[in-house]
């Protein structure tokens, strides 16, 4: 037996293991963008949703037997779904906290938070009448304010914050991906 025979056997075993572990492309994946991942629900991952209820528990695992690590007290709060397991969704909030929420407590209604990274700091988030820098100023939005997304064109999002409706730079909200287009 040659001296490198054990290494060839190990290499062959690793190659087979890699082939077995490689996921097969499903029909749903074949109809998506090349880099877009699809969860078991058939919906893209990651994706944004919002909380349905004003009291939602985020758990450390996907089930009621897992401990609660956060309780959210604000309906409409945007969440990013990053994983799916059965009826549970692993989510991330604007502060980066991650955990599991039952899908029944999540809504497909799109909301966003105005520049949460500037929360507690002086920042000027402008809500404009039209999706242009020189459009009439409708309001100044406080960092951390939650608004409803009507649509996004990839650069600007038309949103409503506390009764004020207008356009804000898409880069100034957490709840829409850069370049994403949204039609409500």
Protein backbone atom coordinates (compact mmCIF):
# COMPACT_ATOMS: atom_id res chain seq x y z
CA UNK A 1 0.00 0.00 0.00
CA UNK A 2 1.52 3.39 -0.98
CA UNK A 3 2.34 5.79 1.87
CA UNK A 4 -0.24 8.37 0.68
CA UNK A 5 -3.10 5.88 0.30
CA UNK A 6 -4.76 6.85 3.63
CA UNK A 7 -4.77 10.47 2.51
CA UNK A 8 -6.40 9.58 -0.83
CA UNK A 9 -9.09 7.63 1.04
CA UNK A 10 -9.66 10.57 3.38
CA UNK A 11 -9.84 12.97 0.43
CA UNK A 12 -12.35 10.74 -1.37
CA UNK A 13 -14.48 10.47 1.77
CA UNK A 14 -14.46 14.27 2.19
CA UNK A 15 -15.44 14.76 -1.45
CA UNK A 16 -18.40 12.39 -1.07
CA UNK A 17 -19.45 14.10 2.18
CA UNK A 18 -19.39 17.49 0.46
CA UNK A 19 -21.59 16.19 -2.37
CA UNK A 20 -24.07 14.66 0.07
CA UNK A 21 -24.19 17.84 2.18
CA UNK A 22 -24.75 20.13 -0.81
CA UNK A 23 -28.44 21.12 -0.93
CA UNK A 24 -30.37 20.38 -4.09
CA UNK A 25 -32.00 23.29 -5.92
CA UNK A 26 -35.78 23.26 -5.61
CA UNK A 27 -38.25 24.57 -8.18
CA UNK A 28 -38.91 27.64 -6.01
CA UNK A 29 -35.18 28.43 -5.89
CA UNK A 30 -34.84 28.06 -9.64
CA UNK A 31 -37.28 30.95 -10.18
CA UNK A 32 -35.48 33.41 -7.91
CA UNK A 33 -32.52 35.71 -8.32
CA UNK A 34 -29.21 33.80 -8.44
CA UNK A 35 -28.13 34.90 -4.93
CA UNK A 36 -31.60 34.91 -3.36
CA UNK A 37 -32.20 32.25 -0.75
CA UNK A 38 -35.69 30.80 -0.28
CA UNK A 39 -36.97 29.40 3.01
CA UNK A 40 -39.24 26.36 3.50
CA UNK A 41 -42.25 28.69 3.23
CA UNK A 42 -41.25 29.51 -0.36
CA UNK A 43 -40.59 33.14 0.62
CA UNK A 44 -37.20 34.83 0.31
CA UNK A 45 -34.67 34.88 3.14
CA UNK A 46 -33.83 37.29 4.56
CA UNK A 47 -36.95 39.49 4.36
CA UNK A 48 -38.63 42.21 6.40
CA UNK A 49 -41.96 41.88 8.22
CA UNK A 50 -43.56 43.66 11.18
CA UNK A 51 -45.07 42.65 14.51
CA UNK A 52 -48.87 42.13 14.50
CA UNK A 53 -49.40 42.49 18.21
CA UNK A 54 -48.42 45.01 20.87
CA UNK A 55 -47.08 42.17 23.02
CA UNK A 56 -44.76 39.66 21.36
CA UNK A 57 -42.27 37.30 23.00
CA UNK A 58 -38.96 36.57 21.29
CA UNK A 59 -37.64 33.18 22.41
CA UNK A 60 -34.16 31.65 22.41
CA UNK A 61 -35.41 28.70 20.34
CA UNK A 62 -38.26 27.73 17.98
CA UNK A 63 -40.95 26.61 20.43
CA UNK A 64 -43.00 27.56 23.47
CA UNK A 65 -40.74 25.48 25.74
CA UNK A 66 -37.82 27.85 25.07
CA UNK A 67 -37.13 30.79 27.38
CA UNK A 68 -38.26 34.30 26.46
CA UNK A 69 -35.28 36.60 25.93
CA UNK A 70 -37.19 39.73 24.79
CA UNK A 71 -40.73 41.02 25.00
CA UNK A 72 -41.74 43.59 22.40
CA UNK A 73 -44.50 46.02 23.36
CA UNK A 74 -45.00 47.84 20.04
CA UNK A 75 -47.08 46.55 17.14
CA UNK A 76 -45.77 47.50 13.73
CA UNK A 77 -42.13 47.17 14.77
CA UNK A 78 -40.10 45.96 11.76
CA UNK A 79 -38.26 42.64 12.05
CA UNK A 80 -35.96 40.87 9.63
CA UNK A 81 -36.64 37.15 9.15
CA UNK A 82 -33.33 35.34 8.76
CA UNK A 83 -34.39 31.70 9.19
CA UNK A 84 -37.52 29.52 9.21
CA UNK A 85 -38.34 26.37 11.15
CA UNK A 86 -41.86 24.95 11.06
CA UNK A 87 -44.17 27.79 12.27
CA UNK A 88 -41.31 29.71 13.85
CA UNK A 89 -39.23 32.50 12.37
CA UNK A 90 -35.77 33.47 13.53
CA UNK A 91 -35.75 37.25 13.45
CA UNK A 92 -33.40 40.15 14.02
CA UNK A 93 -34.47 43.57 15.28
CA UNK A 94 -32.94 46.95 14.41
CA UNK A 95 -30.60 46.71 17.41
CA UNK A 96 -29.26 43.34 16.27
CA UNK A 97 -31.05 41.16 18.87
CA UNK A 98 -31.94 37.74 17.43
CA UNK A 99 -34.43 35.10 18.49
CA UNK A 100 -37.53 33.14 17.48
CA UNK A 101 -41.12 34.39 17.05
CA UNK A 102 -44.16 32.37 16.00
CA UNK A 103 -45.24 33.29 12.47
CA UNK A 104 -48.79 34.02 13.67
CA UNK A 105 -47.43 37.12 15.45
CA UNK A 106 -45.78 38.50 12.30
CA UNK A 107 -47.34 40.50 9.47
CA UNK A 108 -46.24 41.01 5.88
CA UNK A 109 -47.10 44.71 6.30
CA UNK A 110 -43.90 46.67 5.71
CA UNK A 111 -42.75 49.22 8.23
CA UNK A 112 -39.39 50.85 8.84
CA UNK A 113 -37.49 52.69 11.54
CA UNK A 114 -35.96 56.06 10.68
CA UNK A 115 -32.17 55.85 11.13
CA UNK A 116 -32.11 53.78 14.36
CA UNK A 117 -28.31 54.04 14.29
CA UNK A 118 -28.72 57.78 15.13
CA UNK A 119 -31.20 57.21 17.99
CA UNK A 120 -30.39 59.57 20.86
CA UNK A 121 -28.16 61.71 18.64
CA UNK A 122 -28.70 64.89 16.66
CA UNK A 123 -29.66 63.82 13.15
CA UNK A 124 -31.68 65.36 10.37
CA UNK A 125 -33.96 62.86 8.62
CA UNK A 126 -36.06 64.77 6.14
CA UNK A 127 -39.46 63.71 4.87
CA UNK A 128 -39.94 65.28 1.42
CA UNK A 129 -43.07 65.85 -0.69
CA UNK A 130 -41.45 64.12 -3.69
CA UNK A 131 -38.54 61.70 -4.12
CA UNK A 132 -36.03 64.49 -4.81
CA UNK A 133 -33.41 66.34 -2.72
CA UNK A 134 -34.91 69.74 -3.59
CA UNK A 135 -38.56 68.76 -3.01
CA UNK A 136 -40.62 70.61 -0.40
CA UNK A 137 -39.83 69.57 3.16
CA UNK A 138 -42.85 67.91 4.82
CA UNK A 139 -41.33 67.13 8.22
CA UNK A 140 -38.18 66.34 10.16
CA UNK A 141 -38.32 62.77 11.43
CA UNK A 142 -36.74 61.82 14.74
CA UNK A 143 -34.29 58.89 14.62
CA UNK A 144 -36.04 55.76 15.88
CA UNK A 145 -39.51 56.81 14.68
CA UNK A 146 -41.52 53.96 13.12
CA UNK A 147 -43.38 54.56 9.88
CA UNK A 148 -45.43 52.56 7.38
CA UNK A 149 -43.90 51.94 3.97
CA UNK A 150 -46.22 52.67 1.04
CA UNK A 151 -43.61 52.01 -1.65
CA UNK A 152 -39.88 52.15 -2.32
CA UNK A 153 -38.28 52.79 -5.70
CA UNK A 154 -34.78 51.63 -4.79
CA UNK A 155 -33.54 55.08 -3.74
CA UNK A 156 -36.49 56.63 -1.88
CA UNK A 157 -39.35 55.23 0.19
CA UNK A 158 -42.80 56.81 0.40
CA UNK A 159 -43.77 56.50 4.05
CA UNK A 160 -46.17 57.72 6.68
CA UNK A 161 -44.93 58.80 10.12
CA UNK A 162 -47.56 59.86 12.68
CA UNK A 163 -49.91 61.28 10.03
CA UNK A 164 -47.18 62.90 7.93
CA UNK A 165 -46.75 61.37 4.50
CA UNK A 166 -43.77 61.86 2.20
CA UNK A 167 -40.52 60.48 0.87
CA UNK A 168 -37.35 59.62 2.77
CA UNK A 169 -34.00 58.34 1.47
CA UNK A 170 -34.10 54.55 1.50
CA UNK A 171 -30.60 54.56 3.05
CA UNK A 172 -32.03 56.36 6.10
CA UNK A 173 -34.48 53.64 7.13
CA UNK A 174 -34.15 50.15 8.60
CA UNK A 175 -36.87 47.98 7.10
CA UNK A 176 -36.05 48.12 3.37
CA UNK A 177 -32.93 46.72 1.76
CA UNK A 178 -30.67 49.00 -0.31
CA UNK A 179 -31.98 49.07 -3.88
CA UNK A 180 -35.14 47.10 -2.98
CA UNK A 181 -38.38 48.08 -4.68
CA UNK A 182 -41.62 47.74 -2.72
CA UNK A 183 -45.20 48.22 -3.90
CA UNK A 184 -47.92 48.15 -1.25
